[in-house]
């Protein structure tokens, strides 16, 4: 708790929302109210601009508004819809429950190293980046994704950079779908790119 408070001070945060030892998000305390309603979907208010992570909070789906500049992720989140075209995605999804992530058309944000490693994703729609290809996707992006079968590159993509060890230990991947617009694929230095 002290670490969270210190991080909030560093970030000049207006508030801290800390959830511990719960299996989801409720309308009231389920330990006090046996009729407490559990929410399957959470929509983050547009006044929020940064979310470090949802650690050990079970939520089926979360909707992240355009105003969020950084979304760290969460190991118990199953489905995430990112609405911001420049929202930076962190690595807190790694080795968690994520089975679906939806990025907006025209997404240009950064996705950190290991962001989706070891998740339950089966498919992913790779954004059509316009600039800074090598700085947009982190290495080991999907490593250990045992269920990942298909990557579809967004229509209009002209050039793709696949970072080092991107698909390491992704034994079920069968398909990379490239659009007709694609002119060049650049691979990271590692054999599993």
N, C-alpha and C. Protein backbone atom coordinates (compact mmCIF):
# COMPACT_ATOMS: atom_id res chain seq x y z
N UNK A 1 0.82 -1.20 0.00
CA UNK A 1 0.00 0.00 0.00
C UNK A 1 0.86 1.26 0.00
N UNK A 2 1.97 1.20 0.72
CA UNK A 2 2.87 2.35 0.77
C UNK A 2 3.47 2.62 -0.61
N UNK A 3 3.84 1.55 -1.31
CA UNK A 3 4.39 1.70 -2.66
C UNK A 3 3.40 2.34 -3.60
N UNK A 4 2.13 1.95 -3.49
CA UNK A 4 1.08 2.53 -4.32
C UNK A 4 0.93 4.02 -4.02
N UNK A 5 0.95 4.37 -2.75
CA UNK A 5 0.81 5.78 -2.35
C UNK A 5 2.00 6.60 -2.86
N UNK A 6 3.20 6.06 -2.75
CA UNK A 6 4.38 6.78 -3.24
C UNK A 6 4.33 6.97 -4.75
N UNK A 7 3.89 5.94 -5.48
CA UNK A 7 3.76 6.05 -6.93
C UNK A 7 2.71 7.10 -7.30
N UNK A 8 1.63 7.16 -6.55
CA UNK A 8 0.59 8.16 -6.80
C UNK A 8 1.12 9.57 -6.60
N UNK A 9 1.96 9.74 -5.59
CA UNK A 9 2.58 11.05 -5.34
C UNK A 9 3.50 11.42 -6.50
N UNK A 10 4.32 10.47 -6.96
CA UNK A 10 5.21 10.71 -8.09
C UNK A 10 4.45 11.15 -9.33
N UNK A 11 3.28 10.55 -9.53
CA UNK A 11 2.47 10.83 -10.72
C UNK A 11 1.58 12.05 -10.54
N UNK A 12 1.57 12.62 -9.33
CA UNK A 12 0.68 13.74 -9.02
C UNK A 12 -0.79 13.33 -9.24
N UNK A 13 -1.11 12.12 -8.78
CA UNK A 13 -2.46 11.57 -8.96
C UNK A 13 -3.47 12.30 -8.08
N UNK A 14 -4.68 12.43 -8.59
CA UNK A 14 -5.76 13.04 -7.82
C UNK A 14 -6.38 12.05 -6.84
N UNK A 15 -6.30 10.76 -7.15
CA UNK A 15 -6.88 9.76 -6.26
C UNK A 15 -6.20 8.41 -6.47
N UNK A 16 -6.41 7.51 -5.53
CA UNK A 16 -5.93 6.14 -5.62
C UNK A 16 -7.13 5.23 -5.45
N UNK A 17 -7.28 4.29 -6.35
CA UNK A 17 -8.30 3.27 -6.22
C UNK A 17 -7.56 1.95 -6.01
N UNK A 18 -7.67 1.39 -4.84
CA UNK A 18 -6.93 0.18 -4.50
C UNK A 18 -7.91 -0.92 -4.11
N UNK A 19 -7.89 -1.99 -4.87
CA UNK A 19 -8.79 -3.12 -4.59
C UNK A 19 -7.94 -4.32 -4.21
N UNK A 20 -8.29 -4.93 -3.09
CA UNK A 20 -7.50 -6.07 -2.62
C UNK A 20 -8.44 -7.18 -2.16
N UNK A 21 -8.01 -8.40 -2.44
CA UNK A 21 -8.72 -9.59 -1.96
C UNK A 21 -10.19 -9.62 -2.37
N UNK A 22 -10.46 -9.27 -3.64
CA UNK A 22 -11.83 -9.34 -4.14
C UNK A 22 -11.83 -10.13 -5.45
N UNK A 23 -12.95 -10.69 -5.79
CA UNK A 23 -13.04 -11.48 -7.03
C UNK A 23 -13.75 -10.73 -8.14
N UNK A 24 -13.88 -9.41 -8.01
CA UNK A 24 -14.54 -8.62 -9.04
C UNK A 24 -14.88 -7.24 -8.52
N UNK A 25 -15.72 -6.55 -9.29
CA UNK A 25 -16.17 -5.21 -8.91
C UNK A 25 -17.66 -5.28 -8.63
N UNK A 26 -18.06 -4.76 -7.48
CA UNK A 26 -19.44 -4.84 -7.01
C UNK A 26 -20.01 -3.44 -6.76
N UNK A 27 -21.34 -3.35 -6.67
CA UNK A 27 -21.98 -2.08 -6.36
C UNK A 27 -21.94 -1.75 -4.86
N UNK A 28 -21.60 -2.74 -4.05
CA UNK A 28 -21.40 -2.54 -2.61
C UNK A 28 -20.52 -3.69 -2.10
N UNK A 29 -20.12 -3.62 -0.87
CA UNK A 29 -19.21 -4.61 -0.30
C UNK A 29 -19.92 -5.96 -0.17
N UNK A 30 -19.50 -7.00 -0.93
CA UNK A 30 -20.18 -8.30 -0.87
C UNK A 30 -20.01 -9.01 0.48
N UNK A 31 -19.03 -8.60 1.27
CA UNK A 31 -18.85 -9.19 2.60
C UNK A 31 -19.91 -8.68 3.57
N UNK A 32 -20.41 -7.49 3.29
CA UNK A 32 -21.44 -6.88 4.14
C UNK A 32 -22.83 -7.10 3.56
N UNK A 33 -22.93 -6.95 2.23
CA UNK A 33 -24.22 -7.06 1.55
C UNK A 33 -24.27 -8.33 0.69
N UNK A 34 -24.99 -9.36 1.13
CA UNK A 34 -25.05 -10.61 0.35
C UNK A 34 -25.75 -10.44 -1.00
N UNK A 35 -26.49 -9.33 -1.19
CA UNK A 35 -27.17 -9.06 -2.45
C UNK A 35 -26.37 -8.13 -3.36
N UNK A 36 -25.11 -7.92 -3.05
CA UNK A 36 -24.28 -7.02 -3.85
C UNK A 36 -24.22 -7.51 -5.30
N UNK A 37 -24.35 -6.56 -6.24
CA UNK A 37 -24.35 -6.89 -7.66
C UNK A 37 -22.92 -6.83 -8.21
N UNK A 38 -22.49 -7.91 -8.85
CA UNK A 38 -21.16 -7.96 -9.47
C UNK A 38 -21.27 -7.48 -10.91
N UNK A 39 -20.36 -6.58 -11.30
CA UNK A 39 -20.35 -6.07 -12.66
C UNK A 39 -19.43 -6.91 -13.55
N UNK A 40 -19.93 -7.31 -14.73
CA UNK A 40 -19.12 -8.05 -15.69
C UNK A 40 -18.32 -7.10 -16.58
N UNK A 41 -18.89 -5.92 -16.85
CA UNK A 41 -18.25 -4.93 -17.73
C UNK A 41 -18.07 -3.63 -16.96
N UNK A 42 -16.90 -3.05 -17.10
CA UNK A 42 -16.61 -1.76 -16.48
C UNK A 42 -16.24 -0.79 -17.58
N UNK A 43 -16.82 0.39 -17.54
CA UNK A 43 -16.44 1.47 -18.44
C UNK A 43 -15.74 2.52 -17.60
N UNK A 44 -14.50 2.81 -17.92
CA UNK A 44 -13.71 3.78 -17.17
C UNK A 44 -14.24 5.18 -17.50
N UNK A 45 -14.42 6.05 -16.49
CA UNK A 45 -14.89 7.41 -16.75
C UNK A 45 -13.89 8.20 -17.60
N UNK A 46 -14.37 9.12 -18.40
CA UNK A 46 -13.51 9.90 -19.30
C UNK A 46 -12.64 10.91 -18.56
N UNK A 47 -12.82 11.06 -17.26
CA UNK A 47 -11.97 11.96 -16.48
C UNK A 47 -10.63 11.30 -16.11
N UNK A 48 -10.53 9.99 -16.28
CA UNK A 48 -9.31 9.24 -15.97
C UNK A 48 -8.35 9.31 -17.15
N UNK A 49 -7.06 9.59 -16.89
CA UNK A 49 -6.08 9.67 -17.98
C UNK A 49 -4.98 8.61 -17.89
N UNK A 50 -4.85 7.96 -16.74
CA UNK A 50 -3.79 6.95 -16.59
C UNK A 50 -4.26 5.85 -15.65
N UNK A 51 -4.03 4.60 -16.07
CA UNK A 51 -4.36 3.46 -15.23
C UNK A 51 -3.13 2.57 -15.20
N UNK A 52 -2.54 2.41 -14.04
CA UNK A 52 -1.34 1.58 -13.93
C UNK A 52 -1.67 0.12 -14.19
N UNK A 53 -2.56 -0.46 -13.39
CA UNK A 53 -2.96 -1.84 -13.64
C UNK A 53 -4.14 -2.24 -12.76
N UNK A 54 -4.83 -3.26 -13.22
CA UNK A 54 -5.91 -3.91 -12.48
C UNK A 54 -5.34 -5.26 -12.06
N UNK A 55 -4.61 -5.30 -10.99
CA UNK A 55 -3.97 -6.54 -10.58
C UNK A 55 -4.91 -7.35 -9.69
N UNK A 56 -5.12 -8.61 -10.07
CA UNK A 56 -5.94 -9.55 -9.31
C UNK A 56 -7.38 -9.10 -9.10
N UNK A 57 -7.92 -8.31 -10.02
CA UNK A 57 -9.33 -7.91 -9.98
C UNK A 57 -9.99 -8.58 -11.17
N UNK A 58 -10.89 -9.53 -10.89
CA UNK A 58 -11.57 -10.26 -11.96
C UNK A 58 -12.68 -9.42 -12.56
N UNK A 59 -12.52 -9.12 -13.84
CA UNK A 59 -13.53 -8.39 -14.60
C UNK A 59 -13.58 -9.02 -15.98
N UNK A 60 -14.78 -9.31 -16.44
CA UNK A 60 -14.91 -9.93 -17.76
C UNK A 60 -14.49 -8.97 -18.87
N UNK A 61 -14.99 -7.72 -18.82
CA UNK A 61 -14.69 -6.77 -19.89
C UNK A 61 -14.51 -5.37 -19.31
N UNK A 62 -13.54 -4.65 -19.86
CA UNK A 62 -13.31 -3.27 -19.48
C UNK A 62 -13.21 -2.42 -20.74
N UNK A 63 -13.85 -1.26 -20.71
CA UNK A 63 -13.81 -0.32 -21.83
C UNK A 63 -12.97 0.88 -21.39
N UNK A 64 -11.89 1.14 -22.14
CA UNK A 64 -10.95 2.20 -21.80
C UNK A 64 -11.19 3.38 -22.74
N UNK A 65 -11.61 4.56 -22.20
CA UNK A 65 -11.95 5.70 -23.06
C UNK A 65 -10.74 6.35 -23.73
N UNK A 66 -11.02 7.20 -24.71
CA UNK A 66 -9.99 7.90 -25.47
C UNK A 66 -9.08 8.74 -24.59
N UNK A 67 -9.59 9.21 -23.46
CA UNK A 67 -8.83 10.10 -22.58
C UNK A 67 -7.67 9.42 -21.86
N UNK A 68 -7.69 8.09 -21.80
CA UNK A 68 -6.64 7.36 -21.09
C UNK A 68 -5.39 7.31 -21.98
N UNK A 69 -4.30 7.91 -21.47
CA UNK A 69 -3.04 7.96 -22.21
C UNK A 69 -2.20 6.71 -21.99
N UNK A 70 -2.36 6.07 -20.81
CA UNK A 70 -1.60 4.87 -20.49
C UNK A 70 -2.51 3.89 -19.77
N UNK A 71 -2.53 2.66 -20.27
CA UNK A 71 -3.30 1.60 -19.61
C UNK A 71 -2.35 0.43 -19.39
N UNK A 72 -2.01 0.19 -18.14
CA UNK A 72 -1.03 -0.84 -17.80
C UNK A 72 -1.51 -2.25 -18.04
N UNK A 73 -2.81 -2.48 -17.94
CA UNK A 73 -3.37 -3.81 -18.14
C UNK A 73 -3.86 -4.41 -16.85
N UNK A 74 -3.97 -5.72 -16.83
CA UNK A 74 -4.45 -6.42 -15.65
C UNK A 74 -4.45 -7.92 -15.88
N UNK A 75 -3.94 -8.66 -14.93
CA UNK A 75 -3.77 -10.10 -15.12
C UNK A 75 -5.07 -10.90 -15.06
N UNK A 76 -6.15 -10.33 -14.56
CA UNK A 76 -7.43 -11.05 -14.48
C UNK A 76 -8.46 -10.53 -15.48
N UNK A 77 -8.10 -9.52 -16.28
CA UNK A 77 -9.03 -8.98 -17.28
C UNK A 77 -9.14 -9.95 -18.44
N UNK A 78 -10.38 -10.23 -18.89
CA UNK A 78 -10.58 -11.17 -19.99
C UNK A 78 -10.70 -10.47 -21.34
N UNK A 79 -11.44 -9.36 -21.38
CA UNK A 79 -11.63 -8.63 -22.64
C UNK A 79 -11.40 -7.15 -22.39
N UNK A 80 -10.69 -6.51 -23.31
CA UNK A 80 -10.39 -5.09 -23.18
C UNK A 80 -10.67 -4.40 -24.50
N UNK A 81 -11.38 -3.28 -24.42
CA UNK A 81 -11.62 -2.45 -25.59
C UNK A 81 -10.93 -1.11 -25.35
N UNK A 82 -9.92 -0.82 -26.16
CA UNK A 82 -9.19 0.45 -26.08
C UNK A 82 -9.83 1.38 -27.09
N UNK A 83 -10.24 2.57 -26.65
CA UNK A 83 -10.88 3.51 -27.58
C UNK A 83 -9.91 4.59 -28.07
N UNK A 84 -8.84 4.85 -27.32
CA UNK A 84 -7.89 5.89 -27.69
C UNK A 84 -6.91 5.43 -28.75
N UNK A 85 -6.75 6.22 -29.80
CA UNK A 85 -5.86 5.86 -30.90
C UNK A 85 -4.39 5.95 -30.51
N UNK A 86 -4.08 6.64 -29.41
CA UNK A 86 -2.69 6.78 -28.97
C UNK A 86 -2.46 6.25 -27.57
N UNK A 87 -3.40 5.52 -27.01
CA UNK A 87 -3.24 4.96 -25.67
C UNK A 87 -2.07 3.99 -25.66
N UNK A 88 -1.15 4.20 -24.73
CA UNK A 88 -0.01 3.29 -24.57
C UNK A 88 -0.47 2.10 -23.74
N UNK A 89 -0.12 0.89 -24.18
CA UNK A 89 -0.54 -0.34 -23.50
C UNK A 89 0.66 -0.95 -22.78
N UNK A 90 0.48 -1.22 -21.49
CA UNK A 90 1.55 -1.76 -20.66
C UNK A 90 1.59 -3.27 -20.66
N UNK A 91 2.46 -3.80 -19.83
CA UNK A 91 2.72 -5.25 -19.82
C UNK A 91 2.01 -6.00 -18.70
N UNK A 92 1.08 -5.38 -17.99
CA UNK A 92 0.41 -6.06 -16.87
C UNK A 92 -0.60 -7.13 -17.31
N UNK A 93 -0.79 -7.30 -18.63
CA UNK A 93 -1.64 -8.39 -19.12
C UNK A 93 -0.89 -9.72 -19.11
N UNK A 94 0.44 -9.64 -19.13
CA UNK A 94 1.28 -10.82 -19.31
C UNK A 94 0.91 -11.95 -18.35
N UNK A 95 0.80 -13.14 -18.94
CA UNK A 95 0.50 -14.38 -18.21
C UNK A 95 -0.80 -14.28 -17.42
N UNK A 96 -1.76 -13.60 -18.03
CA UNK A 96 -3.07 -13.46 -17.39
C UNK A 96 -4.19 -14.04 -18.21
N UNK A 97 -5.41 -13.57 -17.95
CA UNK A 97 -6.64 -14.12 -18.51
C UNK A 97 -7.09 -13.49 -19.82
N UNK A 98 -6.38 -12.47 -20.32
CA UNK A 98 -6.82 -11.75 -21.51
C UNK A 98 -7.04 -12.69 -22.69
N UNK A 99 -8.29 -12.68 -23.25
CA UNK A 99 -8.57 -13.50 -24.43
C UNK A 99 -9.04 -12.67 -25.62
N UNK A 100 -9.24 -11.35 -25.40
CA UNK A 100 -9.64 -10.49 -26.52
C UNK A 100 -9.24 -9.05 -26.22
N UNK A 101 -8.56 -8.43 -27.17
CA UNK A 101 -8.27 -7.00 -27.06
C UNK A 101 -8.69 -6.35 -28.37
N UNK A 102 -9.44 -5.27 -28.26
CA UNK A 102 -9.92 -4.54 -29.43
C UNK A 102 -9.28 -3.16 -29.44
N UNK A 103 -8.56 -2.87 -30.52
CA UNK A 103 -7.94 -1.56 -30.70
C UNK A 103 -8.75 -0.79 -31.74
N UNK A 104 -8.81 0.54 -31.63
CA UNK A 104 -9.58 1.29 -32.62
C UNK A 104 -8.89 1.30 -33.98
N UNK A 105 -9.65 1.44 -35.02
CA UNK A 105 -9.10 1.57 -36.37
C UNK A 105 -8.21 2.81 -36.37
N UNK A 106 -7.04 2.68 -36.92
CA UNK A 106 -6.09 3.81 -36.94
C UNK A 106 -5.26 3.93 -35.67
N UNK A 107 -5.23 2.89 -34.84
CA UNK A 107 -4.46 2.91 -33.59
C UNK A 107 -2.99 3.18 -33.89
N UNK A 108 -2.38 4.12 -33.14
CA UNK A 108 -0.98 4.48 -33.33
C UNK A 108 -0.19 4.45 -32.02
N UNK A 109 -0.78 3.93 -30.96
CA UNK A 109 -0.13 3.90 -29.66
C UNK A 109 0.98 2.86 -29.57
N UNK A 110 1.74 2.94 -28.49
CA UNK A 110 2.84 2.01 -28.23
C UNK A 110 2.32 0.83 -27.42
N UNK A 111 2.83 -0.35 -27.71
CA UNK A 111 2.51 -1.55 -26.94
C UNK A 111 3.82 -2.05 -26.35
N UNK A 112 3.91 -2.07 -25.01
CA UNK A 112 5.15 -2.37 -24.32
C UNK A 112 5.60 -3.83 -24.47
N UNK A 113 6.88 -4.04 -24.19
CA UNK A 113 7.51 -5.36 -24.18
C UNK A 113 6.69 -6.32 -23.32
N UNK A 114 6.50 -7.55 -23.80
CA UNK A 114 5.77 -8.61 -23.09
C UNK A 114 4.29 -8.32 -22.85
N UNK A 115 3.73 -7.32 -23.48
CA UNK A 115 2.35 -6.91 -23.19
C UNK A 115 1.36 -8.06 -23.20
N UNK A 116 1.44 -8.94 -24.18
CA UNK A 116 0.46 -10.02 -24.30
C UNK A 116 1.08 -11.41 -24.11
N UNK A 117 2.29 -11.46 -23.59
CA UNK A 117 2.96 -12.75 -23.37
C UNK A 117 2.14 -13.64 -22.46
N UNK A 118 1.99 -14.88 -22.87
CA UNK A 118 1.33 -15.87 -22.03
C UNK A 118 -0.15 -15.64 -21.79
N UNK A 119 -0.79 -14.78 -22.58
CA UNK A 119 -2.22 -14.54 -22.42
C UNK A 119 -3.02 -15.61 -23.15
N UNK A 120 -4.32 -15.50 -23.11
CA UNK A 120 -5.23 -16.47 -23.73
C UNK A 120 -5.71 -16.03 -25.12
N UNK A 121 -5.06 -15.01 -25.70
CA UNK A 121 -5.46 -14.52 -27.02
C UNK A 121 -5.39 -15.64 -28.06
N UNK A 122 -6.38 -15.67 -28.95
CA UNK A 122 -6.36 -16.62 -30.07
C UNK A 122 -6.12 -15.88 -31.39
N UNK A 123 -6.52 -14.60 -31.44
CA UNK A 123 -6.32 -13.78 -32.64
C UNK A 123 -5.89 -12.38 -32.21
N UNK A 124 -5.30 -11.64 -33.15
CA UNK A 124 -4.91 -10.25 -32.89
C UNK A 124 -4.92 -9.51 -34.21
N UNK A 125 -5.48 -8.28 -34.18
CA UNK A 125 -5.46 -7.41 -35.36
C UNK A 125 -4.33 -6.40 -35.18
N UNK A 126 -3.29 -6.55 -35.96
CA UNK A 126 -2.08 -5.73 -35.87
C UNK A 126 -2.36 -4.37 -36.49
N UNK A 127 -2.09 -3.29 -35.76
CA UNK A 127 -2.38 -1.94 -36.29
C UNK A 127 -1.51 -1.56 -37.48
N UNK A 128 -2.02 -0.66 -38.31
CA UNK A 128 -1.27 -0.13 -39.45
C UNK A 128 -0.55 1.13 -39.00
N UNK A 129 0.67 0.97 -38.51
CA UNK A 129 1.43 2.13 -38.04
C UNK A 129 1.93 2.95 -39.20
N UNK A 130 1.88 4.27 -39.01
CA UNK A 130 2.32 5.18 -40.05
C UNK A 130 3.77 5.62 -39.86
N UNK A 131 4.20 5.79 -38.58
CA UNK A 131 5.56 6.27 -38.28
C UNK A 131 6.14 5.48 -37.12
N UNK A 132 7.46 5.49 -37.02
CA UNK A 132 8.16 4.92 -35.88
C UNK A 132 7.90 3.45 -35.63
N UNK A 133 7.92 2.65 -36.68
CA UNK A 133 7.58 1.23 -36.58
C UNK A 133 8.32 0.50 -35.46
N UNK A 134 9.62 0.69 -35.38
CA UNK A 134 10.44 -0.07 -34.42
C UNK A 134 10.17 0.33 -32.97
N UNK A 135 9.58 1.46 -32.75
CA UNK A 135 9.34 1.92 -31.38
C UNK A 135 7.92 1.67 -30.91
N UNK A 136 7.09 1.07 -31.72
CA UNK A 136 5.68 0.91 -31.40
C UNK A 136 5.35 -0.40 -30.71
N UNK A 137 6.00 -1.48 -31.09
CA UNK A 137 5.71 -2.80 -30.54
C UNK A 137 6.94 -3.32 -29.81
N UNK A 138 6.74 -3.73 -28.55
CA UNK A 138 7.84 -4.25 -27.76
C UNK A 138 8.20 -5.69 -28.11
N UNK A 139 9.41 -6.08 -27.75
CA UNK A 139 9.85 -7.45 -27.99
C UNK A 139 9.07 -8.43 -27.11
N UNK A 140 9.11 -9.69 -27.48
CA UNK A 140 8.42 -10.77 -26.76
C UNK A 140 6.91 -10.49 -26.64
N UNK A 141 6.37 -9.78 -27.58
CA UNK A 141 4.99 -9.31 -27.51
C UNK A 141 3.97 -10.41 -27.25
N UNK A 142 4.08 -11.53 -27.97
CA UNK A 142 3.13 -12.64 -27.82
C UNK A 142 3.81 -13.92 -27.33
N UNK A 143 5.04 -13.84 -26.86
CA UNK A 143 5.74 -15.06 -26.46
C UNK A 143 4.91 -15.85 -25.45
N UNK A 144 4.94 -17.15 -25.59
CA UNK A 144 4.19 -18.06 -24.71
C UNK A 144 2.67 -17.98 -24.85
N UNK A 145 2.17 -17.40 -25.92
CA UNK A 145 0.72 -17.39 -26.17
C UNK A 145 0.36 -18.75 -26.78
N UNK A 146 0.03 -19.68 -25.96
CA UNK A 146 -0.19 -21.07 -26.38
C UNK A 146 -1.45 -21.25 -27.23
N UNK A 147 -2.37 -20.27 -27.17
CA UNK A 147 -3.63 -20.39 -27.93
C UNK A 147 -3.67 -19.51 -29.18
N UNK A 148 -2.66 -18.67 -29.38
CA UNK A 148 -2.64 -17.73 -30.50
C UNK A 148 -2.55 -18.49 -31.82
N UNK A 149 -3.54 -18.25 -32.70
CA UNK A 149 -3.61 -18.96 -33.98
C UNK A 149 -3.46 -18.06 -35.20
N UNK A 150 -3.89 -16.78 -35.06
CA UNK A 150 -3.97 -15.94 -36.26
C UNK A 150 -3.67 -14.48 -35.93
N UNK A 151 -2.84 -13.86 -36.79
CA UNK A 151 -2.55 -12.43 -36.72
C UNK A 151 -3.01 -11.83 -38.05
N UNK A 152 -3.85 -10.82 -37.97
CA UNK A 152 -4.32 -10.13 -39.17
C UNK A 152 -3.77 -8.71 -39.16
N UNK A 153 -3.06 -8.35 -40.21
CA UNK A 153 -2.51 -7.01 -40.32
C UNK A 153 -3.56 -6.10 -40.95
N UNK A 154 -3.78 -4.96 -40.33
CA UNK A 154 -4.84 -4.03 -40.72
C UNK A 154 -4.71 -3.61 -42.18
N UNK A 155 -5.86 -3.49 -42.84
CA UNK A 155 -5.90 -3.03 -44.23
C UNK A 155 -5.23 -1.66 -44.33
N UNK A 156 -4.51 -1.44 -45.39
CA UNK A 156 -3.82 -0.17 -45.58
C UNK A 156 -2.39 -0.18 -45.07
N UNK A 157 -2.01 -1.27 -44.40
CA UNK A 157 -0.65 -1.40 -43.89
C UNK A 157 0.33 -1.47 -45.06
N UNK A 158 1.36 -0.61 -45.02
CA UNK A 158 2.35 -0.61 -46.09
C UNK A 158 3.66 -1.27 -45.64
N UNK A 159 3.94 -1.17 -44.34
CA UNK A 159 5.18 -1.71 -43.81
C UNK A 159 4.93 -2.25 -42.41
N UNK A 160 5.54 -3.39 -42.08
CA UNK A 160 5.35 -4.03 -40.78
C UNK A 160 6.71 -4.30 -40.14
N UNK A 161 6.83 -4.02 -38.87
CA UNK A 161 8.02 -4.41 -38.10
C UNK A 161 7.57 -5.44 -37.07
N UNK A 162 8.11 -6.64 -37.15
CA UNK A 162 7.80 -7.70 -36.18
C UNK A 162 8.99 -7.78 -35.22
N UNK A 163 8.77 -7.39 -33.95
CA UNK A 163 9.88 -7.30 -33.01
C UNK A 163 10.48 -8.65 -32.63
N UNK A 164 11.67 -8.60 -32.05
CA UNK A 164 12.39 -9.81 -31.66
C UNK A 164 11.56 -10.69 -30.73
N UNK A 165 11.65 -11.97 -30.95
CA UNK A 165 10.98 -12.99 -30.13
C UNK A 165 9.48 -12.77 -30.00
N UNK A 166 8.90 -12.11 -30.96
CA UNK A 166 7.47 -11.77 -30.94
C UNK A 166 6.58 -13.00 -30.79
N UNK A 167 6.91 -14.07 -31.49
CA UNK A 167 6.07 -15.27 -31.49
C UNK A 167 6.77 -16.49 -30.86
N UNK A 168 7.72 -16.24 -29.98
CA UNK A 168 8.45 -17.32 -29.33
C UNK A 168 7.51 -18.22 -28.53
N UNK A 169 7.59 -19.51 -28.75
CA UNK A 169 6.76 -20.52 -28.09
C UNK A 169 5.25 -20.31 -28.34
N UNK A 170 4.91 -19.83 -29.52
CA UNK A 170 3.50 -19.73 -29.95
C UNK A 170 3.25 -20.91 -30.89
N UNK A 171 3.09 -22.07 -30.33
CA UNK A 171 3.06 -23.31 -31.11
C UNK A 171 1.83 -23.49 -31.99
N UNK A 172 0.76 -22.78 -31.71
CA UNK A 172 -0.48 -22.97 -32.50
C UNK A 172 -0.66 -21.95 -33.61
N UNK A 173 0.23 -21.00 -33.72
CA UNK A 173 0.04 -19.97 -34.74
C UNK A 173 0.12 -20.60 -36.12
N UNK A 174 -0.94 -20.40 -36.90
CA UNK A 174 -1.06 -21.00 -38.22
C UNK A 174 -1.09 -19.97 -39.33
N UNK A 175 -1.51 -18.73 -38.99
CA UNK A 175 -1.77 -17.79 -40.05
C UNK A 175 -1.34 -16.37 -39.71
N UNK A 176 -0.60 -15.76 -40.65
CA UNK A 176 -0.33 -14.34 -40.64
C UNK A 176 -1.01 -13.81 -41.89
N UNK A 177 -2.00 -12.94 -41.73
CA UNK A 177 -2.78 -12.44 -42.87
C UNK A 177 -2.32 -11.02 -43.20
N UNK A 178 -1.64 -10.89 -44.35
CA UNK A 178 -1.12 -9.59 -44.78
C UNK A 178 -2.06 -8.98 -45.82
N UNK A 179 -2.27 -7.66 -45.76
CA UNK A 179 -3.14 -7.01 -46.76
C UNK A 179 -2.39 -6.82 -48.09
N UNK A 180 -3.12 -6.60 -49.15
CA UNK A 180 -2.53 -6.39 -50.47
C UNK A 180 -1.66 -5.14 -50.50
N UNK A 181 -1.94 -4.19 -49.62
CA UNK A 181 -1.21 -2.92 -49.59
C UNK A 181 0.22 -3.07 -49.06
N UNK A 182 0.55 -4.21 -48.43
CA UNK A 182 1.85 -4.40 -47.78
C UNK A 182 3.00 -4.43 -48.79
N UNK A 183 4.04 -3.63 -48.51
CA UNK A 183 5.22 -3.55 -49.38
C UNK A 183 6.45 -4.17 -48.73
N UNK A 184 6.52 -4.13 -47.36
CA UNK A 184 7.75 -4.55 -46.71
C UNK A 184 7.48 -5.08 -45.31
N UNK A 185 8.15 -6.20 -44.96
CA UNK A 185 8.10 -6.77 -43.61
C UNK A 185 9.52 -6.77 -43.07
N UNK A 186 9.71 -6.18 -41.88
CA UNK A 186 11.01 -6.12 -41.23
C UNK A 186 10.92 -6.98 -39.97
N UNK A 187 11.85 -7.90 -39.82
CA UNK A 187 11.84 -8.79 -38.66
C UNK A 187 12.92 -8.37 -37.68
N UNK A 188 12.62 -8.50 -36.38
CA UNK A 188 13.63 -8.29 -35.34
C UNK A 188 14.74 -9.31 -35.53
N UNK A 189 15.82 -9.16 -34.82
CA UNK A 189 16.99 -10.01 -35.04
C UNK A 189 16.82 -11.45 -34.61
N UNK A 190 15.86 -11.79 -33.79
CA UNK A 190 15.74 -13.13 -33.23
C UNK A 190 14.97 -14.07 -34.16
N UNK A 191 15.29 -15.34 -34.10
CA UNK A 191 14.66 -16.34 -34.98
C UNK A 191 13.16 -16.47 -34.78
N UNK A 192 12.64 -16.10 -33.59
CA UNK A 192 11.21 -16.24 -33.34
C UNK A 192 10.42 -14.98 -33.70
N UNK A 193 11.09 -14.01 -34.32
CA UNK A 193 10.36 -12.83 -34.80
C UNK A 193 9.44 -13.31 -35.88
